[in-house]
Amino acid sequence: MHQALLDFIARDENYWKLNIFFVVLGTAAVSFVASQVLRHLKKQLQRTETVWDDAALNAADKPLRFLIWVLGINIACNIIAKHSSAELFRYAGTVREVIVIFIMAWFLMRFVRNVEQELLNPPPGKTPVDVTSAHAISKLVRISIGITAALILLEKLGYSVAGVMAFGGIGGIAVGFAAKDLLANFFGGLMIFLDRPFSIGDWVRSPDRNIEGTVEHIGWRQTLIRTPDKRPLYVPNSMFASIAVENPSRMTHRRINENIGLRYDDWEKLPVIVERVKTMLDAHADIDNEQNRVVCLDKLNASSVDFIVTAFTTLRSGPEFQLVKQDVLLKIMKIVAEEGAEFAFPTQTVHLNTGNPAEPNKA
């Protein structure tokens, strides 16, 4: 049918240039109509709850218009080829097939990216998917689409895919040795996506290295961590396979653990103070009393009698935890003051000899 259309348009030798004008005009008209139809469909499909139709239409907008122009220009090139001896126009069919494959891959990658964005930013009332998993799956699918499109293009251009795969198998060893660090980082990123020791937005730190901050991006080669002083820290993914990583963002509770010292003169008041602190913790709204809680005499220091206060809060956020800890400590200070006791300070007793100094021996 395509060839019949070309023969019909180009059968009049005297008006082939005019035919080209009508082909370009018709292409522009079809492109305009297609854009209007897509816009109307978008408005209609926005009323539905599914994300697939919106993602497909948004992904098809630019590739479809580009495809229409490619087909229109290809028809015009075929008309010119019948009246020109230029060798360039003989490859219009091959160029068209290559561009069509590129457009299909472009559409699929846009579709995958749009689905990812729709799942990460759902309508109100729906729970978004895990950011790390969505990014990982999206990247893997886009890489697969790119590799598949490249292999199809090579086949269309006359290269043997089997030969390319064989060359890749032989050259893979040399590439592996030359880019071992890059491959180590790639597989390190893959393990992060599969094991998910942390996700984007988590606060992490490593006791083995000077690494602490909020995870902002997890790539295939490196992970971006924003430190507390807002410096970007780029950590190679292979490093996470050899270091311990703490993830405070996934803590179930946070612990208050304080040693409080009283004067030795107030040791008799300590049992009452301890009982009042226990009662205060029992009544505190942000203390989880189902967890281990300890308030008791801890040790006798050189200048103080120390009791320990250990409790777990239900709040995990750092600023919120600090406010709860402050409230608990202020209430302990109030209890100590109400019982007439005082906190101990480091003291030292110096004994002075007030007697006569020994007389020196006389020779």
Protein backbone atom coordinates (compact mmCIF):
# COMPACT_ATOMS: atom_id res chain seq x y z
CA MET A 1 0.00 0.00 0.00
CA HIS A 2 2.87 2.33 0.77
CA GLN A 3 4.43 1.73 -2.66
CA ALA A 4 1.06 2.24 -4.39
CA LEU A 5 0.70 5.61 -2.67
CA LEU A 6 4.15 6.61 -3.87
CA ASP A 7 3.37 5.57 -7.44
CA PHE A 8 0.12 7.53 -7.37
CA ILE A 9 1.75 10.71 -6.08
CA ALA A 10 4.75 10.58 -8.40
CA ARG A 11 3.08 9.42 -11.64
CA ASP A 12 2.92 12.94 -13.09
CA GLU A 13 6.48 13.88 -14.04
CA ASN A 14 5.66 17.57 -14.41
CA TYR A 15 4.21 18.18 -10.97
CA TRP A 16 6.45 16.17 -8.65
CA LYS A 17 7.63 19.31 -6.83
CA LEU A 18 4.04 20.26 -6.20
CA ASN A 19 3.45 16.76 -4.90
CA ILE A 20 6.24 17.25 -2.39
CA PHE A 21 4.57 20.46 -1.18
CA PHE A 22 1.26 18.64 -0.65
CA VAL A 23 3.05 15.79 1.16
CA VAL A 24 4.69 18.23 3.59
CA LEU A 25 1.40 20.10 4.03
CA GLY A 26 -0.45 16.86 4.65
CA THR A 27 2.19 15.77 7.15
CA ALA A 28 1.79 19.01 9.09
CA ALA A 29 -2.00 18.59 9.08
CA VAL A 30 -1.81 15.00 10.30
CA SER A 31 0.66 16.02 13.04
CA PHE A 32 -1.69 18.81 14.17
CA VAL A 33 -4.71 16.50 14.22
CA ALA A 34 -2.78 13.85 16.14
CA SER A 35 -1.71 16.39 18.79
CA GLN A 36 -5.32 17.56 19.20
CA VAL A 37 -6.58 13.98 19.52
CA LEU A 38 -3.94 13.18 22.12
CA ARG A 39 -4.83 16.31 24.08
CA HIS A 40 -8.51 15.33 24.07
CA LEU A 41 -7.69 11.79 25.16
CA LYS A 42 -5.53 13.09 28.01
CA LYS A 43 -8.44 15.09 29.40
CA GLN A 44 -10.70 12.07 29.20
CA LEU A 45 -8.24 9.63 30.74
CA GLN A 46 -7.34 11.94 33.63
CA ARG A 47 -10.66 10.94 35.14
CA THR A 48 -9.57 7.31 35.46
CA GLU A 49 -7.60 5.98 38.44
CA THR A 50 -5.14 3.83 36.50
CA VAL A 51 -1.69 5.29 35.82
CA TRP A 52 -0.88 3.23 32.72
CA ASP A 53 -3.06 5.15 30.25
CA ASP A 54 -1.81 8.56 31.40
CA ALA A 55 1.80 7.37 31.24
CA ALA A 56 1.31 5.92 27.74
CA LEU A 57 -0.31 9.08 26.32
CA ASN A 58 2.28 11.41 27.82
CA ALA A 59 5.03 9.16 26.49
CA ALA A 60 3.51 8.99 22.99
CA ASP A 61 3.08 12.75 22.49
CA LYS A 62 6.49 13.76 21.09
CA PRO A 63 7.49 10.38 19.57
CA LEU A 64 4.20 10.15 17.65
CA ARG A 65 4.55 13.60 16.11
CA PHE A 66 8.18 12.89 15.28
CA LEU A 67 7.16 9.58 13.66
CA ILE A 68 4.54 11.34 11.51
CA TRP A 69 7.14 13.79 10.24
CA VAL A 70 9.66 11.01 9.59
CA LEU A 71 7.12 9.09 7.48
CA GLY A 72 6.11 12.25 5.63
CA ILE A 73 9.72 13.23 4.87
CA ASN A 74 10.40 9.63 3.80
CA ILE A 75 7.56 9.82 1.26
CA ALA A 76 8.95 13.13 -0.02
CA CYS A 77 12.44 11.62 -0.33
CA ASN A 78 11.07 8.70 -2.32
CA ILE A 79 9.36 11.14 -4.71
CA ILE A 80 12.62 13.05 -5.14
CA ALA A 81 14.51 9.78 -5.67
CA LYS A 82 12.38 9.02 -8.74
CA HIS A 83 13.51 12.31 -10.32
CA SER A 84 17.05 12.62 -9.00
CA SER A 85 20.17 10.57 -9.52
CA ALA A 86 21.66 11.47 -6.12
CA GLU A 87 22.76 8.36 -4.26
CA LEU A 88 21.71 9.85 -0.93
CA PHE A 89 18.01 9.31 -1.54
CA ARG A 90 18.54 5.58 -2.20
CA TYR A 91 19.03 5.00 1.52
CA ALA A 92 15.77 6.62 2.58
CA GLY A 93 14.19 3.25 3.41
CA THR A 94 17.04 2.14 5.64
CA VAL A 95 17.18 5.50 7.40
CA ARG A 96 13.41 5.31 7.94
CA GLU A 97 13.66 1.88 9.57
CA VAL A 98 16.49 3.00 11.84
CA ILE A 99 14.60 6.11 12.94
CA VAL A 100 11.41 4.12 13.56
CA ILE A 101 13.32 1.74 15.84
CA PHE A 102 14.81 4.72 17.64
CA ILE A 103 11.35 6.27 18.07
CA MET A 104 9.95 3.02 19.49
CA ALA A 105 12.78 2.81 22.01
CA TRP A 106 12.28 6.51 22.83
CA PHE A 107 8.57 5.93 23.45
CA LEU A 108 9.19 2.88 25.68
CA MET A 109 11.80 4.72 27.78
CA ARG A 110 9.48 7.70 28.22
CA PHE A 111 6.67 5.33 29.18
CA VAL A 112 8.81 3.60 31.83
CA ARG A 113 9.92 6.96 33.25
CA ASN A 114 6.34 8.26 33.36
CA VAL A 115 5.13 5.12 35.14
CA GLU A 116 7.94 5.58 37.66
CA GLN A 117 6.89 9.18 38.32
CA GLU A 118 3.22 8.22 38.60
CA LEU A 119 4.01 5.51 41.15
CA LEU A 120 6.26 7.82 43.19
CA ASN A 121 3.69 10.64 43.17
CA PRO A 122 0.30 8.95 43.41
CA PRO A 123 -3.02 10.77 43.82
CA PRO A 124 -4.12 11.66 47.38
CA GLY A 125 -5.19 8.62 49.34
CA LYS A 126 -2.78 6.18 47.69
CA THR A 127 0.53 5.05 49.14
CA PRO A 128 3.64 5.75 47.01
CA VAL A 129 5.96 2.85 46.22
CA ASP A 130 9.46 2.58 47.63
CA VAL A 131 11.70 5.18 45.95
CA THR A 132 14.79 2.96 45.79
CA SER A 133 12.93 0.00 44.27
CA ALA A 134 11.17 2.21 41.72
CA HIS A 135 14.45 3.78 40.59
CA ALA A 136 16.19 0.40 40.38
CA ILE A 137 13.46 -1.30 38.34
CA SER A 138 13.10 1.73 36.08
CA LYS A 139 16.84 1.83 35.35
CA LEU A 140 17.01 -1.91 34.64
CA VAL A 141 14.05 -1.76 32.24
CA ARG A 142 15.47 1.28 30.41
CA ILE A 143 18.88 -0.39 30.09
CA SER A 144 17.18 -3.50 28.67
CA ILE A 145 15.26 -1.39 26.16
CA GLY A 146 18.43 0.41 25.09
CA ILE A 147 20.42 -2.80 24.61
CA THR A 148 17.58 -4.45 22.68
CA ALA A 149 17.16 -1.43 20.40
CA ALA A 150 20.93 -1.31 19.77
CA LEU A 151 21.01 -4.99 18.77
CA ILE A 152 18.03 -4.54 16.42
CA LEU A 153 19.69 -1.51 14.84
CA LEU A 154 22.90 -3.47 14.27
CA GLU A 155 20.89 -6.22 12.59
CA LYS A 156 19.12 -3.68 10.36
CA LEU A 157 22.46 -2.12 9.38
CA GLY A 158 23.77 -5.49 8.22
CA TYR A 159 25.91 -6.49 11.20
CA SER A 160 25.67 -10.00 12.59
CA VAL A 161 24.28 -9.93 16.13
CA ALA A 162 25.77 -13.36 16.79
CA GLY A 163 29.21 -12.06 15.80
CA VAL A 164 28.80 -9.03 18.04
CA MET A 165 27.79 -11.25 20.96
CA ALA A 166 30.77 -13.54 20.34
CA PHE A 167 33.12 -10.57 20.22
CA GLY A 168 31.56 -9.28 23.42
CA GLY A 169 32.16 -12.64 25.11
CA ILE A 170 35.83 -12.70 24.09
CA GLY A 171 36.43 -9.03 24.82
CA GLY A 172 34.49 -9.16 28.07
CA ILE A 173 37.48 -10.58 29.92
CA ALA A 174 39.74 -7.74 28.82
CA VAL A 175 37.05 -5.18 29.59
CA GLY A 176 36.50 -6.76 33.00
CA PHE A 177 40.15 -6.39 33.94
CA ALA A 178 40.33 -2.85 32.59
CA ALA A 179 37.17 -1.69 34.32
CA LYS A 180 37.14 -3.84 37.46
CA ASP A 181 36.51 -0.83 39.71
CA LEU A 182 33.58 0.28 37.56
CA LEU A 183 32.12 -3.23 37.60
CA ALA A 184 32.64 -3.50 41.36
CA ASN A 185 30.69 -0.28 41.83
CA PHE A 186 27.96 -1.51 39.46
CA PHE A 187 27.46 -4.77 41.36
CA GLY A 188 27.70 -2.85 44.63
CA GLY A 189 24.82 -0.66 43.45
CA LEU A 190 22.91 -3.77 42.41
CA MET A 191 23.32 -5.25 45.90
CA ILE A 192 22.07 -2.00 47.43
CA PHE A 193 18.97 -2.16 45.25
CA LEU A 194 18.37 -5.82 46.12
CA ASP A 195 19.25 -5.86 49.83
CA ARG A 196 18.08 -2.28 50.51
CA PRO A 197 20.16 -1.56 53.64
CA PHE A 198 19.06 2.04 53.16
CA SER A 199 16.74 4.04 50.91
CA ILE A 200 16.62 7.55 49.57
CA GLY A 201 15.84 9.90 52.45
CA ASP A 202 17.38 7.69 55.17
CA TRP A 203 19.93 9.04 57.62
CA VAL A 204 22.94 6.69 57.63
CA ARG A 205 26.39 6.59 59.18
CA SER A 206 29.34 4.22 59.22
CA PRO A 207 31.45 3.53 62.32
CA ASP A 208 34.26 2.32 60.03
CA ARG A 209 34.53 5.45 57.87
CA ASN A 210 33.75 9.13 58.26
CA ILE A 211 30.39 8.74 56.52
CA GLU A 212 27.23 10.30 57.93
CA GLY A 213 24.29 12.08 56.37
CA THR A 214 21.07 11.77 54.39
CA VAL A 215 20.94 9.56 51.28
CA GLU A 216 19.85 11.73 48.35
CA HIS A 217 20.61 9.54 45.33
CA ILE A 218 21.61 5.91 44.70
CA GLY A 219 23.26 5.45 41.30
CA TRP A 220 24.89 2.49 39.61
CA ARG A 221 28.40 3.80 40.31
CA GLN A 222 28.12 5.92 43.45
CA THR A 223 25.74 7.06 46.16
CA LEU A 224 25.21 10.71 47.07
CA ILE A 225 25.02 11.41 50.82
CA ARG A 226 24.36 14.92 52.14
CA THR A 227 26.40 15.43 55.31
CA PRO A 228 25.08 17.36 58.37
CA ASP A 229 26.91 20.50 57.23
CA LYS A 230 25.21 20.16 53.80
CA ARG A 231 28.32 18.97 51.93
CA PRO A 232 27.68 16.43 49.14
CA LEU A 233 29.58 13.20 49.79
CA TYR A 234 29.94 10.79 46.83
CA VAL A 235 30.60 7.25 48.05
CA PRO A 236 31.53 4.47 45.55
CA ASN A 237 29.00 1.65 45.82
CA SER A 238 31.73 -0.99 46.17
CA MET A 239 32.67 0.52 49.55
CA PHE A 240 29.36 -0.54 51.10
CA ALA A 241 30.34 -4.20 50.63
CA SER A 242 33.28 -3.84 53.03
CA ILE A 243 32.06 -1.44 55.74
CA ALA A 244 29.38 -1.51 58.42
CA VAL A 245 26.50 0.89 57.86
CA GLU A 246 24.12 2.06 60.57
CA ASN A 247 20.64 3.21 59.57
CA PRO A 248 19.17 5.24 62.46
CA SER A 249 16.16 6.08 60.27
CA ARG A 250 14.89 2.53 60.82
CA MET A 251 15.19 2.59 64.61
CA THR A 252 12.04 1.54 66.46
CA HIS A 253 12.92 3.62 69.57
CA ARG A 254 15.56 6.03 70.81
CA ARG A 255 17.20 5.66 74.21
CA ILE A 256 17.75 8.15 76.98
CA ASN A 257 20.77 7.00 78.97
CA GLU A 258 22.04 9.41 81.65
CA ASN A 259 24.19 9.16 84.78
CA ILE A 260 23.18 11.75 87.40
CA GLY A 261 25.38 12.50 90.40
CA LEU A 262 24.21 13.77 93.81
CA ARG A 263 26.27 14.95 96.78
CA TYR A 264 27.26 12.40 99.40
CA ASP A 265 25.41 14.60 101.90
CA ASP A 266 22.14 13.77 100.07
CA TRP A 267 22.51 9.99 99.81
CA GLU A 268 19.63 9.40 102.23
CA LYS A 269 17.29 11.26 99.87
CA LEU A 270 18.29 9.10 96.89
CA PRO A 271 15.62 6.33 97.34
CA VAL A 272 12.80 8.91 97.30
CA ILE A 273 14.27 10.69 94.28
CA VAL A 274 14.61 7.40 92.39
CA GLU A 275 10.99 6.46 93.09
CA ARG A 276 9.74 9.87 91.99
CA VAL A 277 11.76 9.65 88.75
CA LYS A 278 10.22 6.22 88.06
CA THR A 279 6.74 7.64 88.62
CA MET A 280 7.50 10.56 86.33
CA LEU A 281 8.67 8.23 83.53
CA ASP A 282 5.58 6.04 83.96
CA ALA A 283 3.33 9.06 83.41
CA HIS A 284 5.34 10.55 80.53
CA ALA A 285 3.44 10.35 77.24
CA ASP A 286 6.55 9.94 75.05
CA ILE A 287 8.23 7.17 77.09
CA ASP A 288 7.51 3.56 76.09
CA ASN A 289 7.32 1.71 79.38
CA GLU A 290 6.95 -1.64 77.64
CA GLN A 291 10.66 -1.39 76.85
CA ASN A 292 13.45 -1.92 79.34
CA ARG A 293 13.52 0.98 81.84
CA VAL A 294 16.11 1.35 84.59
CA VAL A 295 16.29 3.95 87.40
CA CYS A 296 18.60 2.89 90.25
CA LEU A 297 21.83 3.57 92.10
CA ASP A 298 24.73 3.03 89.74
CA LYS A 299 28.02 3.66 91.52
CA LEU A 300 29.82 5.63 94.20
CA ASN A 301 32.17 8.09 92.58
CA ALA A 302 34.98 10.02 94.24
CA SER A 303 32.76 13.06 94.85
CA SER A 304 29.23 11.95 93.97
CA VAL A 305 26.60 9.29 94.41
CA ASP A 306 25.45 8.40 90.87
CA PHE A 307 22.13 6.93 89.80
CA ILE A 308 21.34 5.86 86.25
CA VAL A 309 18.25 6.74 84.19
CA THR A 310 17.59 4.59 81.10
CA ALA A 311 14.35 4.80 79.11
CA PHE A 312 13.18 4.50 75.51
CA THR A 313 11.19 7.14 73.67
CA THR A 314 8.58 6.43 71.02
CA LEU A 315 9.89 9.31 68.88
CA ARG A 316 12.68 8.52 66.40
CA SER A 317 13.30 11.92 64.84
CA GLY A 318 16.46 13.58 66.17
CA PRO A 319 14.93 17.01 66.98
CA GLU A 320 11.84 15.46 68.57
CA PHE A 321 13.98 13.08 70.63
CA GLN A 322 16.11 15.95 71.92
CA LEU A 323 13.00 17.80 73.07
CA VAL A 324 11.75 14.74 74.96
CA LYS A 325 15.17 14.21 76.52
CA GLN A 326 15.27 17.85 77.58
CA ASP A 327 11.83 17.56 79.18
CA VAL A 328 12.85 14.43 81.12
CA LEU A 329 16.06 16.01 82.40
CA LEU A 330 14.30 19.22 83.47
CA LYS A 331 11.74 17.18 85.40
CA ILE A 332 14.54 15.23 87.10
CA MET A 333 16.20 18.51 88.08
CA LYS A 334 12.89 19.72 89.52
CA ILE A 335 12.47 16.52 91.55
CA VAL A 336 15.99 16.83 92.96
CA ALA A 337 15.35 20.45 93.94
CA GLU A 338 11.99 19.64 95.54
CA GLU A 339 13.62 16.97 97.71
CA GLY A 340 16.21 19.45 98.95
CA ALA A 341 19.13 17.66 97.32
CA GLU A 342 21.85 19.10 95.13
CA PHE A 343 23.87 17.86 92.20
CA ALA A 344 27.49 17.02 92.92
CA PHE A 345 30.44 18.95 91.62
CA PRO A 346 34.02 17.69 91.52
CA THR A 347 35.47 18.53 94.96
CA GLN A 348 38.82 18.12 96.61
CA THR A 349 39.68 18.32 100.32
CA VAL A 350 43.03 19.78 101.31
CA HIS A 351 44.35 19.20 104.85
CA LEU A 352 46.76 21.88 106.11
CA ASN A 353 49.33 21.23 108.83
CA THR A 354 49.02 24.16 111.28
CA GLY A 355 51.70 22.94 113.76
CA ASN A 356 55.31 24.27 114.08
CA PRO A 357 57.62 23.08 111.36
CA ALA A 358 60.28 20.65 112.44
CA GLU A 359 63.50 22.35 113.47
CA PRO A 360 66.50 21.57 111.32
CA ASN A 361 69.17 19.32 112.74
CA LYS A 362 72.11 21.20 114.09
CA ALA A 363 75.58 20.09 113.20
